[in-house]
N, C-alpha and C. Protein backbone atom coordinates (compact mmCIF):
# COMPACT_ATOMS: atom_id res chain seq x y z
N MET A 1 61.98 60.00 116.49
CA MET A 1 63.12 59.51 117.24
C MET A 1 64.29 59.34 116.29
N ALA A 2 65.44 59.79 116.70
CA ALA A 2 66.64 59.73 115.85
C ALA A 2 67.18 58.31 115.79
N THR A 3 67.64 57.95 114.61
CA THR A 3 68.24 56.62 114.46
C THR A 3 69.71 56.70 114.83
N LYS A 4 70.22 55.61 115.35
CA LYS A 4 71.63 55.57 115.72
C LYS A 4 72.48 55.40 114.48
N THR A 5 73.60 56.11 114.46
CA THR A 5 74.55 56.01 113.36
C THR A 5 75.81 55.40 113.91
N ASN A 6 76.34 54.43 113.18
CA ASN A 6 77.57 53.84 113.69
C ASN A 6 78.74 54.81 113.48
N PRO A 7 79.81 54.66 114.21
CA PRO A 7 80.92 55.61 114.16
C PRO A 7 81.51 55.79 112.75
N LEU A 8 81.56 54.74 111.97
CA LEU A 8 82.12 54.85 110.62
C LEU A 8 81.24 55.74 109.74
N GLN A 9 79.92 55.56 109.82
CA GLN A 9 79.00 56.41 109.07
C GLN A 9 79.11 57.86 109.52
N PHE A 10 79.24 58.06 110.83
CA PHE A 10 79.35 59.41 111.37
C PHE A 10 80.58 60.11 110.80
N ILE A 11 81.72 59.41 110.81
CA ILE A 11 82.96 60.00 110.29
C ILE A 11 82.82 60.31 108.80
N GLN A 12 82.17 59.43 108.06
CA GLN A 12 81.96 59.68 106.64
C GLN A 12 81.07 60.91 106.42
N GLN A 13 80.05 61.05 107.24
CA GLN A 13 79.16 62.21 107.13
C GLN A 13 79.89 63.51 107.49
N VAL A 14 80.72 63.45 108.52
CA VAL A 14 81.49 64.62 108.91
C VAL A 14 82.45 65.02 107.79
N ARG A 15 83.14 64.06 107.21
CA ARG A 15 84.07 64.36 106.11
C ARG A 15 83.33 64.95 104.92
N SER A 16 82.15 64.43 104.67
CA SER A 16 81.35 64.94 103.56
C SER A 16 80.95 66.39 103.80
N GLU A 17 80.53 66.71 105.02
CA GLU A 17 80.14 68.08 105.34
C GLU A 17 81.34 69.03 105.33
N VAL A 18 82.47 68.58 105.85
CA VAL A 18 83.67 69.42 105.87
C VAL A 18 84.14 69.74 104.46
N SER A 19 83.95 68.81 103.55
CA SER A 19 84.38 69.06 102.17
C SER A 19 83.54 70.14 101.49
N LYS A 20 82.36 70.44 102.04
CA LYS A 20 81.49 71.46 101.48
C LYS A 20 81.87 72.87 101.93
N ILE A 21 82.75 72.98 102.93
CA ILE A 21 83.13 74.28 103.47
C ILE A 21 83.97 75.03 102.44
N VAL A 22 83.64 76.31 102.26
CA VAL A 22 84.43 77.17 101.38
C VAL A 22 85.27 78.06 102.29
N TRP A 23 86.57 77.80 102.33
CA TRP A 23 87.45 78.54 103.21
C TRP A 23 87.83 79.87 102.55
N PRO A 24 87.94 80.94 103.35
CA PRO A 24 88.33 82.24 102.78
C PRO A 24 89.79 82.23 102.35
N THR A 25 90.09 83.08 101.37
CA THR A 25 91.47 83.20 100.92
C THR A 25 92.24 84.05 101.92
N ARG A 26 93.56 84.02 101.81
CA ARG A 26 94.39 84.83 102.70
C ARG A 26 94.05 86.32 102.54
N ARG A 27 93.79 86.74 101.30
CA ARG A 27 93.45 88.15 101.04
C ARG A 27 92.13 88.52 101.72
N GLU A 28 91.13 87.64 101.65
CA GLU A 28 89.85 87.91 102.31
C GLU A 28 90.01 88.01 103.82
N VAL A 29 90.82 87.14 104.39
CA VAL A 29 91.06 87.17 105.83
C VAL A 29 91.74 88.48 106.22
N MET A 30 92.75 88.88 105.45
CA MET A 30 93.46 90.13 105.75
C MET A 30 92.52 91.33 105.65
N LEU A 31 91.70 91.38 104.60
CA LEU A 31 90.78 92.50 104.42
C LEU A 31 89.76 92.58 105.54
N THR A 32 89.18 91.46 105.90
CA THR A 32 88.18 91.49 106.97
C THR A 32 88.82 91.82 108.31
N THR A 33 90.06 91.36 108.55
CA THR A 33 90.76 91.69 109.79
C THR A 33 91.03 93.19 109.86
N ILE A 34 91.49 93.77 108.75
CA ILE A 34 91.73 95.21 108.72
C ILE A 34 90.43 95.97 108.95
N MET A 35 89.34 95.52 108.33
CA MET A 35 88.06 96.20 108.52
C MET A 35 87.60 96.13 109.98
N VAL A 36 87.84 95.03 110.64
CA VAL A 36 87.47 94.90 112.06
C VAL A 36 88.26 95.91 112.89
N PHE A 37 89.56 96.02 112.62
CA PHE A 37 90.38 96.99 113.37
C PHE A 37 89.92 98.42 113.10
N ILE A 38 89.60 98.73 111.85
CA ILE A 38 89.12 100.08 111.51
C ILE A 38 87.81 100.38 112.23
N MET A 39 86.88 99.43 112.19
CA MET A 39 85.58 99.65 112.85
C MET A 39 85.74 99.77 114.37
N ALA A 40 86.66 99.00 114.95
CA ALA A 40 86.91 99.10 116.39
C ALA A 40 87.48 100.46 116.73
N ALA A 41 88.38 100.98 115.90
CA ALA A 41 88.96 102.31 116.14
C ALA A 41 87.90 103.39 116.02
N ILE A 42 87.06 103.30 114.99
CA ILE A 42 85.98 104.29 114.82
C ILE A 42 85.03 104.26 116.01
N THR A 43 84.69 103.07 116.47
CA THR A 43 83.80 102.92 117.63
C THR A 43 84.44 103.51 118.88
N ALA A 44 85.74 103.26 119.07
CA ALA A 44 86.44 103.79 120.25
C ALA A 44 86.44 105.32 120.22
N VAL A 45 86.71 105.90 119.06
CA VAL A 45 86.71 107.37 118.94
C VAL A 45 85.30 107.91 119.21
N PHE A 46 84.29 107.26 118.65
CA PHE A 46 82.92 107.71 118.87
C PHE A 46 82.57 107.73 120.36
N PHE A 47 82.84 106.62 121.06
CA PHE A 47 82.48 106.57 122.47
C PHE A 47 83.35 107.51 123.31
N PHE A 48 84.60 107.74 122.90
CA PHE A 48 85.43 108.72 123.59
C PHE A 48 84.80 110.11 123.48
N LEU A 49 84.36 110.47 122.28
CA LEU A 49 83.75 111.78 122.08
C LEU A 49 82.43 111.92 122.84
N VAL A 50 81.62 110.88 122.82
CA VAL A 50 80.36 110.91 123.57
C VAL A 50 80.64 111.06 125.06
N ASP A 51 81.62 110.33 125.56
CA ASP A 51 81.98 110.42 126.97
C ASP A 51 82.48 111.82 127.31
N LEU A 52 83.29 112.40 126.42
CA LEU A 52 83.82 113.73 126.64
C LEU A 52 82.70 114.77 126.68
N ILE A 53 81.74 114.65 125.76
CA ILE A 53 80.61 115.58 125.72
C ILE A 53 79.77 115.47 127.00
N ILE A 54 79.51 114.25 127.44
CA ILE A 54 78.74 114.05 128.67
C ILE A 54 79.49 114.63 129.86
N LYS A 55 80.81 114.39 129.92
CA LYS A 55 81.62 114.90 131.02
C LYS A 55 81.58 116.43 131.05
N LEU A 56 81.79 117.05 129.90
CA LEU A 56 81.77 118.52 129.86
C LEU A 56 80.39 119.06 130.21
N GLY A 57 79.35 118.40 129.76
CA GLY A 57 77.99 118.81 130.10
C GLY A 57 77.72 118.73 131.57
N LEU A 58 78.13 117.64 132.19
CA LEU A 58 77.92 117.50 133.65
C LEU A 58 78.75 118.49 134.43
N GLN A 59 80.00 118.72 134.00
CA GLN A 59 80.84 119.70 134.69
C GLN A 59 80.21 121.09 134.58
N GLY A 60 79.72 121.43 133.40
CA GLY A 60 79.06 122.73 133.21
C GLY A 60 77.83 122.85 134.09
N LEU A 61 77.05 121.79 134.17
CA LEU A 61 75.85 121.81 135.00
C LEU A 61 76.21 121.94 136.48
N LEU A 62 77.22 121.22 136.94
CA LEU A 62 77.63 121.31 138.33
C LEU A 62 78.24 122.68 138.66
N ASP A 63 78.98 123.26 137.72
CA ASP A 63 79.52 124.61 137.94
C ASP A 63 78.40 125.64 138.02
N LEU A 64 77.35 125.43 137.22
CA LEU A 64 76.22 126.35 137.20
C LEU A 64 75.44 126.27 138.52
N VAL A 65 75.27 125.06 139.03
CA VAL A 65 74.47 124.85 140.25
C VAL A 65 75.26 125.24 141.51
N GLY A 66 76.50 124.86 141.58
CA GLY A 66 77.16 125.10 142.85
C GLY A 66 78.55 125.50 142.71
């Protein structure tokens, strides 16, 4: 069973935990943001090409059948 913590102890514990956080630098944030945009663009191109190939395949199949 968990013990109750008074509000002052809770705030002290929260401050202690927050002080342990290592925040990224501006450069790290910019690099990871750019990488996310690059990966999203690559993924969009990939799915566009897959969709195009499926579309052409189905059109070819439908032209062949009827």
